[in-house]
Every structure is written in structure tokens, then in C-alpha cells.
Amino acid sequence: MNKDIRLATSFKGHRKRKKLEKLLGPGATGHLIDLWISVAQSNPEGILSGWDEEDIAFSGEWDGDPIVFVEAMVKCNFIKQNGNGCYEIHDWGDHQGYACKAKERSEQAKKAAEVRWKTKHKQDKTC
């Protein structure tokens, strides 16, 4: 599981962030960041398979109408629907490349640990 996400310093003054605040009000950025953190933890590829508007709003800690939240996210181009009709985080792989590759890193680490384990036990048997 991912323990962090990356946030560009340019996000502070970005037009999409300002637009989201205008649509959803003060604190909207916090909801967006909560959504990103939830996605990094549960869907590191950024594809929200099986998530509906309520799931997305819940993950963003949004207490208002889920449709309003998702429509604002889509309008600001933070999320989109892909060709399969699933929601996904827009350009997630470009901005969260580390999070996207969490499964691959985990698999590589397991393989490396197995190799180290086998090597260690071979050495133990020869002594």
C-alpha cells in the first residue's frame, strides 16, 4: 500500500484548484486531496473500477450531494470517465507515477527477498 502521494508546488496557484474552490466552496481542495489519498491506498492505478458517485464523494470526505462533487471534479478535469465508463483520476500516472507502480515494486521486493532467503540458506547449509 502507498504511504504518500506527490503534490507539485504549482498546485497552490493552479487554475483547476481555483475553479474547484469556486464550484464547491472553501475547503474543496481538502476533499480533492482526501480523494487522491484514498485512490493511492486502494486503487493505485488511478482507475476507480466499481466506484460510483457516492463512493467517490465518500472517499473525498464530501458530505454534500455526491453528484455535485463528482460533476465539479469532472468539470475541473480532476476525474474523467474512461472508454469503459469507469471513473479515473485524470493523468494519475503522470502525476502519481510512484503510486501507480506500487504493485510492481511490491512484487519485485518479494522476489528479491526470496532470492536473498535462498542464498542465505544455501550458505548456512555449506557451513
C-alpha atoms as a PDB file:
ATOM      1  CA  MET A   1       0.000   0.000   0.000  1.00  0.00           C
ATOM      2  CA  ASN A   2       1.166   3.510  -0.757  1.00  0.00           C
ATOM      3  CA  LYS A   3       2.144   5.700   2.145  1.00  0.00           C
ATOM      4  CA  ASP A   4       2.205   9.002   0.306  1.00  0.00           C
ATOM      5  CA  ILE A   5       1.212  10.915  -2.793  1.00  0.00           C
ATOM      6  CA  ARG A   6       3.075  13.614  -4.641  1.00  0.00           C
ATOM      7  CA  LEU A   7       1.873  17.174  -4.917  1.00  0.00           C
ATOM      8  CA  ALA A   8       3.531  19.690  -7.232  1.00  0.00           C
ATOM      9  CA  THR A   9       4.298  23.094  -5.774  1.00  0.00           C
ATOM     10  CA  SER A  10       2.476  24.601  -8.767  1.00  0.00           C
ATOM     11  CA  PHE A  11      -0.758  23.134  -7.374  1.00  0.00           C
ATOM     12  CA  LYS A  12      -1.020  26.036  -4.926  1.00  0.00           C
ATOM     13  CA  GLY A  13      -1.989  28.540  -7.607  1.00  0.00           C
ATOM     14  CA  HIS A  14      -3.289  26.214 -10.293  1.00  0.00           C
ATOM     15  CA  ARG A  15      -6.398  27.328 -12.173  1.00  0.00           C
ATOM     16  CA  LYS A  16      -8.074  23.928 -11.761  1.00  0.00           C
ATOM     17  CA  ARG A  17      -7.757  24.182  -7.983  1.00  0.00           C
ATOM     18  CA  LYS A  18      -9.161  27.709  -8.008  1.00  0.00           C
ATOM     19  CA  LYS A  19     -12.029  26.610 -10.228  1.00  0.00           C
ATOM     20  CA  LEU A  20     -12.831  23.718  -7.891  1.00  0.00           C
ATOM     21  CA  GLU A  21     -12.901  26.073  -4.888  1.00  0.00           C
ATOM     22  CA  LYS A  22     -15.281  28.338  -6.794  1.00  0.00           C
ATOM     23  CA  LEU A  23     -17.600  25.420  -7.617  1.00  0.00           C
ATOM     24  CA  LEU A  24     -17.580  23.627  -4.258  1.00  0.00           C
ATOM     25  CA  GLY A  25     -16.589  26.375  -1.852  1.00  0.00           C
ATOM     26  CA  PRO A  26     -13.794  26.779   0.672  1.00  0.00           C
ATOM     27  CA  GLY A  27     -12.208  23.506   1.661  1.00  0.00           C
ATOM     28  CA  ALA A  28     -12.754  21.865  -1.721  1.00  0.00           C
ATOM     29  CA  THR A  29      -9.025  21.290  -2.106  1.00  0.00           C
ATOM     30  CA  GLY A  30      -9.006  19.226   1.080  1.00  0.00           C
ATOM     31  CA  HIS A  31     -11.708  16.987  -0.355  1.00  0.00           C
ATOM     32  CA  LEU A  32      -9.711  16.551  -3.546  1.00  0.00           C
ATOM     33  CA  ILE A  33      -6.588  15.619  -1.595  1.00  0.00           C
ATOM     34  CA  ASP A  34      -8.603  13.158   0.522  1.00  0.00           C
ATOM     35  CA  LEU A  35      -9.833  11.576  -2.707  1.00  0.00           C
ATOM     36  CA  TRP A  36      -6.290  11.318  -4.050  1.00  0.00           C
ATOM     37  CA  ILE A  37      -5.064   9.706  -0.827  1.00  0.00           C
ATOM     38  CA  SER A  38      -7.912   7.174  -0.908  1.00  0.00           C
ATOM     39  CA  VAL A  39      -7.146   6.327  -4.520  1.00  0.00           C
ATOM     40  CA  ALA A  40      -3.429   5.895  -3.789  1.00  0.00           C
ATOM     41  CA  GLN A  41      -4.305   3.462  -0.999  1.00  0.00           C
ATOM     42  CA  SER A  42      -6.998   1.395  -2.678  1.00  0.00           C
ATOM     43  CA  ASN A  43      -6.689   1.900  -6.449  1.00  0.00           C
ATOM     44  CA  PRO A  44      -3.053   2.841  -7.102  1.00  0.00           C
ATOM     45  CA  GLU A  45      -3.512   2.700 -10.879  1.00  0.00           C
ATOM     46  CA  GLY A  46      -5.971   5.601 -10.603  1.00  0.00           C
ATOM     47  CA  ILE A  47      -8.875   3.674 -12.156  1.00  0.00           C
ATOM     48  CA  LEU A  48     -11.945   3.665  -9.940  1.00  0.00           C
ATOM     49  CA  SER A  49     -13.439   0.372 -11.119  1.00  0.00           C
ATOM     50  CA  GLY A  50     -16.732  -0.271  -9.414  1.00  0.00           C
ATOM     51  CA  TRP A  51     -16.881   3.181  -7.846  1.00  0.00           C
ATOM     52  CA  ASP A  52     -19.992   5.250  -8.334  1.00  0.00           C
ATOM     53  CA  GLU A  53     -20.525   8.907  -7.451  1.00  0.00           C
ATOM     54  CA  GLU A  54     -21.302   8.058  -3.839  1.00  0.00           C
ATOM     55  CA  ASP A  55     -18.073   6.058  -3.471  1.00  0.00           C
ATOM     56  CA  ILE A  56     -16.059   8.918  -4.941  1.00  0.00           C
ATOM     57  CA  ALA A  57     -17.692  11.504  -2.666  1.00  0.00           C
ATOM     58  CA  PHE A  58     -17.240   9.243   0.346  1.00  0.00           C
ATOM     59  CA  SER A  59     -13.533   8.825  -0.447  1.00  0.00           C
ATOM     60  CA  GLY A  60     -13.203  12.580  -0.692  1.00  0.00           C
ATOM     61  CA  GLU A  61     -14.924  13.033   2.689  1.00  0.00           C
ATOM     62  CA  TRP A  62     -17.612  15.088   0.910  1.00  0.00           C
ATOM     63  CA  ASP A  63     -20.820  15.354   2.958  1.00  0.00           C
ATOM     64  CA  GLY A  64     -22.902  17.074   0.302  1.00  0.00           C
ATOM     65  CA  ASP A  65     -24.605  15.695  -2.778  1.00  0.00           C
ATOM     66  CA  PRO A  66     -22.260  13.125  -4.382  1.00  0.00           C
ATOM     67  CA  ILE A  67     -23.393  14.117  -7.882  1.00  0.00           C
ATOM     68  CA  VAL A  68     -22.412  17.750  -7.239  1.00  0.00           C
ATOM     69  CA  PHE A  69     -18.977  16.634  -6.038  1.00  0.00           C
ATOM     70  CA  VAL A  70     -18.292  14.358  -8.998  1.00  0.00           C
ATOM     71  CA  GLU A  71     -19.630  16.842 -11.540  1.00  0.00           C
ATOM     72  CA  ALA A  72     -17.296  19.502 -10.128  1.00  0.00           C
ATOM     73  CA  MET A  73     -14.346  17.089 -10.271  1.00  0.00           C
ATOM     74  CA  VAL A  74     -15.169  16.246 -13.883  1.00  0.00           C
ATOM     75  CA  LYS A  75     -15.721  19.891 -14.843  1.00  0.00           C
ATOM     76  CA  CYS A  76     -12.323  20.811 -13.381  1.00  0.00           C
ATOM     77  CA  ASN A  77     -10.736  17.816 -15.128  1.00  0.00           C
ATOM     78  CA  PHE A  78      -9.565  16.106 -11.943  1.00  0.00           C
ATOM     79  CA  ILE A  79     -11.506  12.958 -12.824  1.00  0.00           C
ATOM     80  CA  LYS A  80     -12.939  11.614 -16.048  1.00  0.00           C
ATOM     81  CA  GLN A  81     -14.797   8.605 -17.350  1.00  0.00           C
ATOM     82  CA  ASN A  82     -12.738   6.263 -19.482  1.00  0.00           C
ATOM     83  CA  GLY A  83     -13.914   4.282 -22.506  1.00  0.00           C
ATOM     84  CA  ASN A  84     -15.271   1.543 -20.224  1.00  0.00           C
ATOM     85  CA  GLY A  85     -17.448   4.008 -18.320  1.00  0.00           C
ATOM     86  CA  CYS A  86     -15.274   3.806 -15.192  1.00  0.00           C
ATOM     87  CA  TYR A  87     -14.177   6.927 -13.445  1.00  0.00           C
ATOM     88  CA  GLU A  88     -10.456   7.514 -13.247  1.00  0.00           C
ATOM     89  CA  ILE A  89      -8.185  10.223 -11.936  1.00  0.00           C
ATOM     90  CA  HIS A  90      -7.078  12.401 -14.849  1.00  0.00           C
ATOM     91  CA  ASP A  91      -3.371  11.960 -15.670  1.00  0.00           C
ATOM     92  CA  TRP A  92      -2.847   9.952 -12.475  1.00  0.00           C
ATOM     93  CA  GLY A  93       0.103   8.051 -13.947  1.00  0.00           C
ATOM     94  CA  ASP A  94       1.827  11.289 -14.936  1.00  0.00           C
ATOM     95  CA  HIS A  95       1.410  12.918 -11.529  1.00  0.00           C
ATOM     96  CA  GLN A  96       1.479   9.842  -9.287  1.00  0.00           C
ATOM     97  CA  GLY A  97       3.874   7.541 -11.088  1.00  0.00           C
ATOM     98  CA  TYR A  98       5.267   6.245  -7.809  1.00  0.00           C
ATOM     99  CA  ALA A  99       1.801   5.333  -6.524  1.00  0.00           C
ATOM    100  CA  CYS A 100       0.881   3.711  -9.852  1.00  0.00           C
ATOM    101  CA  LYS A 101       3.776   1.308  -9.660  1.00  0.00           C
ATOM    102  CA  ALA A 102       3.163   0.190  -6.054  1.00  0.00           C
ATOM    103  CA  LYS A 103       2.145  -3.358  -7.031  1.00  0.00           C
ATOM    104  CA  GLU A 104       5.145  -3.776  -9.322  1.00  0.00           C
ATOM    105  CA  ARG A 105       7.538  -2.554  -6.615  1.00  0.00           C
ATOM    106  CA  SER A 106       5.962  -4.905  -4.094  1.00  0.00           C
ATOM    107  CA  GLU A 107       6.309  -7.896  -6.416  1.00  0.00           C
ATOM    108  CA  GLN A 108       9.943  -7.027  -7.169  1.00  0.00           C
ATOM    109  CA  ALA A 109      10.684  -6.690  -3.455  1.00  0.00           C
ATOM    110  CA  LYS A 110       9.128 -10.112  -2.754  1.00  0.00           C
ATOM    111  CA  LYS A 111      11.214 -11.715  -5.489  1.00  0.00           C
ATOM    112  CA  ALA A 112      14.386 -10.063  -4.207  1.00  0.00           C
ATOM    113  CA  ALA A 113      13.616 -11.231  -0.666  1.00  0.00           C
ATOM    114  CA  GLU A 114      13.106 -14.801  -1.907  1.00  0.00           C
ATOM    115  CA  VAL A 115      16.465 -14.705  -3.677  1.00  0.00           C
ATOM    116  CA  ARG A 116      18.187 -13.361  -0.562  1.00  0.00           C
ATOM    117  CA  TRP A 117      16.471 -16.003   1.578  1.00  0.00           C
ATOM    118  CA  LYS A 118      17.513 -18.861  -0.720  1.00  0.00           C
ATOM    119  CA  THR A 119      21.076 -17.527  -0.950  1.00  0.00           C
ATOM    120  CA  LYS A 120      21.336 -17.224   2.831  1.00  0.00           C
ATOM    121  CA  HIS A 121      20.047 -20.742   3.400  1.00  0.00           C
ATOM    122  CA  LYS A 122      22.446 -22.176   0.817  1.00  0.00           C
ATOM    123  CA  GLN A 123      25.330 -20.534   2.661  1.00  0.00           C
ATOM    124  CA  ASP A 124      24.057 -21.829   6.017  1.00  0.00           C
ATOM    125  CA  LYS A 125      23.960 -25.408   4.695  1.00  0.00           C
ATOM    126  CA  THR A 126      27.557 -25.287   3.461  1.00  0.00           C
ATOM    127  CA  CYS A 127      28.989 -24.352   6.839  1.00  0.00           C
END
